[in-house]
Amino acid sequence: MALYRQLREAKFDQSDIDRMAAAYEAALQLLRLNDSNDKITELIAAKIIQVARLGESDPPRICARALKELGIPLPE
């Protein structure tokens, strides 16, 4: 999973990782992305980590903010 590949060198506690993983999975589901090796999943993972580092801790808000900052509109 792209998120875990990027978290290998990061210092987060398990609860932070769980929240980021939930946000990441929600983003993939919203965008109907199944291939975690797809380059867009790497971008999403990096943005989710960045948003979490800025202090956001709610997975749905992490997901929404990451997608918004990437310029990806949320499906309705």
PDB file of N, CA and C in Angstrom:
ATOM      1  N   MET A   1       0.861  -1.173   0.000  1.00  0.00           N
ATOM      2  CA  MET A   1       0.000   0.000   0.000  1.00  0.00           C
ATOM      3  C   MET A   1       0.905   1.232   0.000  1.00  0.00           C
ATOM      4  N   ALA A   2       0.577   2.181  -0.835  1.00  0.00           N
ATOM      5  CA  ALA A   2       1.395   3.386  -1.000  1.00  0.00           C
ATOM      6  C   ALA A   2       1.593   4.126   0.321  1.00  0.00           C
ATOM      7  N   LEU A   3       0.576   4.181   1.134  1.00  0.00           N
ATOM      8  CA  LEU A   3       0.689   4.902   2.400  1.00  0.00           C
ATOM      9  C   LEU A   3       1.765   4.283   3.291  1.00  0.00           C
ATOM     10  N   TYR A   4       1.739   2.986   3.434  1.00  0.00           N
ATOM     11  CA  TYR A   4       2.702   2.330   4.315  1.00  0.00           C
ATOM     12  C   TYR A   4       4.127   2.418   3.768  1.00  0.00           C
ATOM     13  N   ARG A   5       4.280   2.409   2.453  1.00  0.00           N
ATOM     14  CA  ARG A   5       5.611   2.587   1.879  1.00  0.00           C
ATOM     15  C   ARG A   5       6.180   3.943   2.285  1.00  0.00           C
ATOM     16  N   GLN A   6       5.342   4.976   2.291  1.00  0.00           N
ATOM     17  CA  GLN A   6       5.811   6.315   2.630  1.00  0.00           C
ATOM     18  C   GLN A   6       5.990   6.510   4.133  1.00  0.00           C
ATOM     19  N   LEU A   7       5.305   5.724   4.922  1.00  0.00           N
ATOM     20  CA  LEU A   7       5.398   5.863   6.378  1.00  0.00           C
ATOM     21  C   LEU A   7       6.581   5.114   6.981  1.00  0.00           C
ATOM     22  N   ARG A   8       7.280   4.320   6.198  1.00  0.00           N
ATOM     23  CA  ARG A   8       8.398   3.532   6.729  1.00  0.00           C
ATOM     24  C   ARG A   8       9.414   4.371   7.488  1.00  0.00           C
ATOM     25  N   GLU A   9       9.697   5.554   6.988  1.00  0.00           N
ATOM     26  CA  GLU A   9      10.722   6.393   7.597  1.00  0.00           C
ATOM     27  C   GLU A   9      10.144   7.495   8.486  1.00  0.00           C
ATOM     28  N   ALA A  10       8.836   7.553   8.601  1.00  0.00           N
ATOM     29  CA  ALA A  10       8.190   8.612   9.379  1.00  0.00           C
ATOM     30  C   ALA A  10       8.011   8.172  10.832  1.00  0.00           C
ATOM     31  N   LYS A  11       7.884   9.143  11.698  1.00  0.00           N
ATOM     32  CA  LYS A  11       7.679   8.880  13.121  1.00  0.00           C
ATOM     33  C   LYS A  11       6.249   9.254  13.504  1.00  0.00           C
ATOM     34  N   PHE A  12       5.373   8.271  13.520  1.00  0.00           N
ATOM     35  CA  PHE A  12       3.985   8.460  13.938  1.00  0.00           C
ATOM     36  C   PHE A  12       3.642   7.346  14.902  1.00  0.00           C
ATOM     37  N   ASP A  13       2.739   7.641  15.838  1.00  0.00           N
ATOM     38  CA  ASP A  13       2.290   6.554  16.698  1.00  0.00           C
ATOM     39  C   ASP A  13       1.201   5.768  15.960  1.00  0.00           C
ATOM     40  N   GLN A  14       0.863   4.608  16.508  1.00  0.00           N
ATOM     41  CA  GLN A  14      -0.058   3.708  15.813  1.00  0.00           C
ATOM     42  C   GLN A  14      -1.431   4.340  15.595  1.00  0.00           C
ATOM     43  N   SER A  15      -1.908   5.137  16.538  1.00  0.00           N
ATOM     44  CA  SER A  15      -3.228   5.754  16.349  1.00  0.00           C
ATOM     45  C   SER A  15      -3.206   6.748  15.192  1.00  0.00           C
ATOM     46  N   ASP A  16      -2.099   7.467  15.019  1.00  0.00           N
ATOM     47  CA  ASP A  16      -1.971   8.372  13.868  1.00  0.00           C
ATOM     48  C   ASP A  16      -1.953   7.580  12.564  1.00  0.00           C
ATOM     49  N   ILE A  17      -1.220   6.500  12.546  1.00  0.00           N
ATOM     50  CA  ILE A  17      -1.144   5.657  11.348  1.00  0.00           C
ATOM     51  C   ILE A  17      -2.519   5.095  11.016  1.00  0.00           C
ATOM     52  N   ASP A  18      -3.249   4.661  12.023  1.00  0.00           N
ATOM     53  CA  ASP A  18      -4.594   4.127  11.796  1.00  0.00           C
ATOM     54  C   ASP A  18      -5.521   5.184  11.195  1.00  0.00           C
ATOM     55  N   ARG A  19      -5.424   6.411  11.683  1.00  0.00           N
ATOM     56  CA  ARG A  19      -6.269   7.493  11.145  1.00  0.00           C
ATOM     57  C   ARG A  19      -5.891   7.817   9.698  1.00  0.00           C
ATOM     58  N   MET A  20      -4.588   7.864   9.423  1.00  0.00           N
ATOM     59  CA  MET A  20      -4.156   8.130   8.048  1.00  0.00           C
ATOM     60  C   MET A  20      -4.560   6.988   7.116  1.00  0.00           C
ATOM     61  N   ALA A  21      -4.463   5.756   7.594  1.00  0.00           N
ATOM     62  CA  ALA A  21      -4.860   4.607   6.781  1.00  0.00           C
ATOM     63  C   ALA A  21      -6.352   4.665   6.473  1.00  0.00           C
ATOM     64  N   ALA A  22      -7.163   5.052   7.443  1.00  0.00           N
ATOM     65  CA  ALA A  22      -8.601   5.174   7.212  1.00  0.00           C
ATOM     66  C   ALA A  22      -8.886   6.260   6.178  1.00  0.00           C
ATOM     67  N   ALA A  23      -8.188   7.384   6.270  1.00  0.00           N
ATOM     68  CA  ALA A  23      -8.363   8.472   5.305  1.00  0.00           C
ATOM     69  C   ALA A  23      -7.931   8.036   3.910  1.00  0.00           C
ATOM     70  N   TYR A  24      -6.819   7.327   3.835  1.00  0.00           N
ATOM     71  CA  TYR A  24      -6.290   6.840   2.560  1.00  0.00           C
ATOM     72  C   TYR A  24      -7.266   5.853   1.913  1.00  0.00           C
ATOM     73  N   GLU A  25      -7.741   4.895   2.686  1.00  0.00           N
ATOM     74  CA  GLU A  25      -8.693   3.913   2.162  1.00  0.00           C
ATOM     75  C   GLU A  25      -9.982   4.588   1.692  1.00  0.00           C
ATOM     76  N   ALA A  26     -10.432   5.592   2.453  1.00  0.00           N
ATOM     77  CA  ALA A  26     -11.639   6.323   2.047  1.00  0.00           C
ATOM     78  C   ALA A  26     -11.417   7.045   0.728  1.00  0.00           C
ATOM     79  N   ALA A  27     -10.249   7.643   0.557  1.00  0.00           N
ATOM     80  CA  ALA A  27      -9.942   8.348  -0.695  1.00  0.00           C
ATOM     81  C   ALA A  27      -9.925   7.381  -1.869  1.00  0.00           C
ATOM     82  N   LEU A  28      -9.287   6.235  -1.685  1.00  0.00           N
ATOM     83  CA  LEU A  28      -9.252   5.248  -2.763  1.00  0.00           C
ATOM     84  C   LEU A  28     -10.648   4.762  -3.112  1.00  0.00           C
ATOM     85  N   GLN A  29     -11.464   4.560  -2.096  1.00  0.00           N
ATOM     86  CA  GLN A  29     -12.835   4.098  -2.335  1.00  0.00           C
ATOM     87  C   GLN A  29     -13.645   5.177  -3.052  1.00  0.00           C
ATOM     88  N   LEU A  30     -13.542   6.421  -2.604  1.00  0.00           N
ATOM     89  CA  LEU A  30     -14.264   7.516  -3.254  1.00  0.00           C
ATOM     90  C   LEU A  30     -13.903   7.658  -4.731  1.00  0.00           C
ATOM     91  N   LEU A  31     -12.626   7.463  -5.019  1.00  0.00           N
ATOM     92  CA  LEU A  31     -12.133   7.638  -6.383  1.00  0.00           C
ATOM     93  C   LEU A  31     -12.137   6.339  -7.191  1.00  0.00           C
ATOM     94  N   ARG A  32     -12.606   5.282  -6.558  1.00  0.00           N
ATOM     95  CA  ARG A  32     -12.674   3.962  -7.190  1.00  0.00           C
ATOM     96  C   ARG A  32     -11.316   3.516  -7.739  1.00  0.00           C
ATOM     97  N   LEU A  33     -10.306   3.691  -6.917  1.00  0.00           N
ATOM     98  CA  LEU A  33      -8.955   3.266  -7.273  1.00  0.00           C
ATOM     99  C   LEU A  33      -8.665   1.936  -6.597  1.00  0.00           C
ATOM    100  N   ASN A  34      -8.281   0.946  -7.369  1.00  0.00           N
ATOM    101  CA  ASN A  34      -8.027  -0.386  -6.823  1.00  0.00           C
ATOM    102  C   ASN A  34      -6.555  -0.762  -6.830  1.00  0.00           C
ATOM    103  N   ASP A  35      -5.777  -0.123  -7.668  1.00  0.00           N
ATOM    104  CA  ASP A  35      -4.370  -0.473  -7.819  1.00  0.00           C
ATOM    105  C   ASP A  35      -3.514   0.432  -6.942  1.00  0.00           C
ATOM    106  N   SER A  36      -3.028  -0.105  -5.827  1.00  0.00           N
ATOM    107  CA  SER A  36      -2.234   0.728  -4.914  1.00  0.00           C
ATOM    108  C   SER A  36      -0.854   1.042  -5.478  1.00  0.00           C
ATOM    109  N   ASN A  37      -0.509   0.478  -6.621  1.00  0.00           N
ATOM    110  CA  ASN A  37       0.757   0.811  -7.281  1.00  0.00           C
ATOM    111  C   ASN A  37       0.594   1.938  -8.290  1.00  0.00           C
ATOM    112  N   ASP A  38      -0.634   2.395  -8.491  1.00  0.00           N
ATOM    113  CA  ASP A  38      -0.912   3.511  -9.397  1.00  0.00           C
ATOM    114  C   ASP A  38      -0.259   4.772  -8.828  1.00  0.00           C
ATOM    115  N   LYS A  39       0.331   5.582  -9.678  1.00  0.00           N
ATOM    116  CA  LYS A  39       1.034   6.802  -9.234  1.00  0.00           C
ATOM    117  C   LYS A  39       0.121   7.758  -8.472  1.00  0.00           C
ATOM    118  N   ILE A  40      -1.148   7.825  -8.828  1.00  0.00           N
ATOM    119  CA  ILE A  40      -2.063   8.748  -8.130  1.00  0.00           C
ATOM    120  C   ILE A  40      -2.201   8.341  -6.665  1.00  0.00           C
ATOM    121  N   THR A  41      -2.104   7.034  -6.372  1.00  0.00           N
ATOM    122  CA  THR A  41      -2.219   6.616  -4.972  1.00  0.00           C
ATOM    123  C   THR A  41      -1.012   7.089  -4.168  1.00  0.00           C
ATOM    124  N   GLU A  42       0.147   7.182  -4.815  1.00  0.00           N
ATOM    125  CA  GLU A  42       1.342   7.718  -4.148  1.00  0.00           C
ATOM    126  C   GLU A  42       1.130   9.186  -3.797  1.00  0.00           C
ATOM    127  N   LEU A  43       0.563   9.942  -4.728  1.00  0.00           N
ATOM    128  CA  LEU A  43       0.287  11.364  -4.476  1.00  0.00           C
ATOM    129  C   LEU A  43      -0.732  11.536  -3.355  1.00  0.00           C
ATOM    130  N   ILE A  44      -1.766  10.715  -3.371  1.00  0.00           N
ATOM    131  CA  ILE A  44      -2.792  10.786  -2.331  1.00  0.00           C
ATOM    132  C   ILE A  44      -2.179  10.456  -0.972  1.00  0.00           C
ATOM    133  N   ALA A  45      -1.371   9.419  -0.910  1.00  0.00           N
ATOM    134  CA  ALA A  45      -0.737   9.033   0.351  1.00  0.00           C
ATOM    135  C   ALA A  45       0.142  10.158   0.884  1.00  0.00           C
ATOM    136  N   ALA A  46       0.943  10.742   0.016  1.00  0.00           N
ATOM    137  CA  ALA A  46       1.835  11.830   0.448  1.00  0.00           C
ATOM    138  C   ALA A  46       1.035  13.016   0.971  1.00  0.00           C
ATOM    139  N   LYS A  47      -0.053  13.348   0.303  1.00  0.00           N
ATOM    140  CA  LYS A  47      -0.867  14.493   0.737  1.00  0.00           C
ATOM    141  C   LYS A  47      -1.562  14.170   2.057  1.00  0.00           C
ATOM    142  N   ILE A  48      -2.028  12.960   2.236  1.00  0.00           N
ATOM    143  CA  ILE A  48      -2.668  12.573   3.498  1.00  0.00           C
ATOM    144  C   ILE A  48      -1.670  12.692   4.646  1.00  0.00           C
ATOM    145  N   ILE A  49      -0.453  12.247   4.437  1.00  0.00           N
ATOM    146  CA  ILE A  49       0.580  12.374   5.468  1.00  0.00           C
ATOM    147  C   ILE A  49       0.834  13.845   5.772  1.00  0.00           C
ATOM    148  N   GLN A  50       0.916  14.658   4.738  1.00  0.00           N
ATOM    149  CA  GLN A  50       1.149  16.087   4.927  1.00  0.00           C
ATOM    150  C   GLN A  50       0.019  16.732   5.731  1.00  0.00           C
ATOM    151  N   VAL A  51      -1.213  16.421   5.392  1.00  0.00           N
ATOM    152  CA  VAL A  51      -2.364  16.985   6.107  1.00  0.00           C
ATOM    153  C   VAL A  51      -2.337  16.542   7.569  1.00  0.00           C
ATOM    154  N   ALA A  52      -2.027  15.285   7.813  1.00  0.00           N
ATOM    155  CA  ALA A  52      -1.962  14.789   9.194  1.00  0.00           C
ATOM    156  C   ALA A  52      -0.845  15.475   9.975  1.00  0.00           C
ATOM    157  N   ARG A  53       0.271  15.712   9.323  1.00  0.00           N
ATOM    158  CA  ARG A  53       1.381  16.401  10.000  1.00  0.00           C
ATOM    159  C   ARG A  53       1.012  17.827  10.381  1.00  0.00           C
ATOM    160  N   LEU A  54       0.074  18.412   9.663  1.00  0.00           N
ATOM    161  CA  LEU A  54      -0.361  19.775   9.972  1.00  0.00           C
ATOM    162  C   LEU A  54      -1.351  19.817  11.137  1.00  0.00           C
ATOM    163  N   GLY A  55      -1.692  18.637  11.667  1.00  0.00           N
ATOM    164  CA  GLY A  55      -2.504  18.601  12.875  1.00  0.00           C
ATOM    165  C   GLY A  55      -3.912  18.070  12.717  1.00  0.00           C
ATOM    166  N   GLU A  56      -4.348  17.806  11.500  1.00  0.00           N
ATOM    167  CA  GLU A  56      -5.694  17.247  11.328  1.00  0.00           C
ATOM    168  C   GLU A  56      -5.671  15.796  11.781  1.00  0.00           C
ATOM    169  N   SER A  57      -6.692  15.393  12.545  1.00  0.00           N
ATOM    170  CA  SER A  57      -6.704  14.031  13.067  1.00  0.00           C
ATOM    171  C   SER A  57      -7.971  13.251  12.726  1.00  0.00           C
ATOM    172  N   ASP A  58      -8.963  13.892  12.144  1.00  0.00           N
ATOM    173  CA  ASP A  58     -10.211  13.215  11.799  1.00  0.00           C
ATOM    174  C   ASP A  58     -10.090  12.620  10.391  1.00  0.00           C
ATOM    175  N   PRO A  59     -10.184  11.280  10.252  1.00  0.00           N
ATOM    176  CA  PRO A  59      -9.985  10.669   8.938  1.00  0.00           C
ATOM    177  C   PRO A  59     -10.837  11.248   7.803  1.00  0.00           C
ATOM    178  N   PRO A  60     -12.147  11.476   8.001  1.00  0.00           N
ATOM    179  CA  PRO A  60     -12.914  12.061   6.890  1.00  0.00           C
ATOM    180  C   PRO A  60     -12.410  13.457   6.494  1.00  0.00           C
ATOM    181  N   ARG A  61     -11.993  14.246   7.474  1.00  0.00           N
ATOM    182  CA  ARG A  61     -11.467  15.579   7.151  1.00  0.00           C
ATOM    183  C   ARG A  61     -10.088  15.493   6.506  1.00  0.00           C
ATOM    184  N   ILE A  62      -9.275  14.541   6.960  1.00  0.00           N
ATOM    185  CA  ILE A  62      -7.974  14.336   6.324  1.00  0.00           C
ATOM    186  C   ILE A  62      -8.183  13.985   4.853  1.00  0.00           C
ATOM    187  N   CYS A  63      -9.078  13.054   4.601  1.00  0.00           N
ATOM    188  CA  CYS A  63      -9.374  12.617   3.240  1.00  0.00           C
ATOM    189  C   CYS A  63      -9.851  13.781   2.384  1.00  0.00           C
ATOM    190  N   ALA A  64     -10.870  14.485   2.854  1.00  0.00           N
ATOM    191  CA  ALA A  64     -11.447  15.590   2.081  1.00  0.00           C
ATOM    192  C   ALA A  64     -10.429  16.692   1.814  1.00  0.00           C
ATOM    193  N   ARG A  65      -9.662  17.047   2.827  1.00  0.00           N
ATOM    194  CA  ARG A  65      -8.680  18.119   2.652  1.00  0.00           C
ATOM    195  C   ARG A  65      -7.569  17.707   1.690  1.00  0.00           C
ATOM    196  N   ALA A  66      -7.109  16.464   1.809  1.00  0.00           N
ATOM    197  CA  ALA A  66      -6.053  15.983   0.917  1.00  0.00           C
ATOM    198  C   ALA A  66      -6.521  16.012  -0.535  1.00  0.00           C
ATOM    199  N   LEU A  67      -7.719  15.515  -0.783  1.00  0.00           N
ATOM    200  CA  LEU A  67      -8.238  15.514  -2.155  1.00  0.00           C
ATOM    201  C   LEU A  67      -8.443  16.931  -2.665  1.00  0.00           C
ATOM    202  N   LYS A  68      -8.958  17.795  -1.811  1.00  0.00           N
ATOM    203  CA  LYS A  68      -9.164  19.191  -2.210  1.00  0.00           C
ATOM    204  C   LYS A  68      -7.834  19.854  -2.563  1.00  0.00           C
ATOM    205  N   GLU A  69      -6.815  19.642  -1.734  1.00  0.00           N
ATOM    206  CA  GLU A  69      -5.514  20.257  -1.987  1.00  0.00           C
ATOM    207  C   GLU A  69      -4.847  19.700  -3.241  1.00  0.00           C
ATOM    208  N   LEU A  70      -5.209  18.487  -3.609  1.00  0.00           N
ATOM    209  CA  LEU A  70      -4.699  17.909  -4.851  1.00  0.00           C
ATOM    210  C   LEU A  70      -5.520  18.348  -6.067  1.00  0.00           C
ATOM    211  N   GLY A  71      -6.598  19.064  -5.812  1.00  0.00           N
ATOM    212  CA  GLY A  71      -7.447  19.531  -6.909  1.00  0.00           C
ATOM    213  C   GLY A  71      -8.371  18.448  -7.450  1.00  0.00           C
ATOM    214  N   ILE A  72      -8.626  17.442  -6.629  1.00  0.00           N
ATOM    215  CA  ILE A  72      -9.493  16.343  -7.041  1.00  0.00           C
ATOM    216  C   ILE A  72     -10.875  16.587  -6.443  1.00  0.00           C
ATOM    217  N   PRO A  73     -11.870  16.840  -7.284  1.00  0.00           N
ATOM    218  CA  PRO A  73     -13.211  17.090  -6.740  1.00  0.00           C
ATOM    219  C   PRO A  73     -13.803  15.804  -6.142  1.00  0.00           C
ATOM    220  N   LEU A  74     -14.497  15.976  -5.047  1.00  0.00           N
ATOM    221  CA  LEU A  74     -15.155  14.850  -4.423  1.00  0.00           C
ATOM    222  C   LEU A  74     -16.378  14.448  -5.253  1.00  0.00           C
ATOM    223  N   PRO A  75     -16.539  13.157  -5.520  1.00  0.00           N
ATOM    224  CA  PRO A  75     -17.729  12.713  -6.252  1.00  0.00           C
ATOM    225  C   PRO A  75     -18.983  12.983  -5.426  1.00  0.00           C
ATOM    226  N   GLU A  76     -20.049  13.234  -6.119  1.00  0.00           N
ATOM    227  CA  GLU A  76     -21.307  13.503  -5.394  1.00  0.00           C
ATOM    228  C   GLU A  76     -22.156  12.289  -5.301  1.00  0.00           C
TER     229      GLU A  76
END
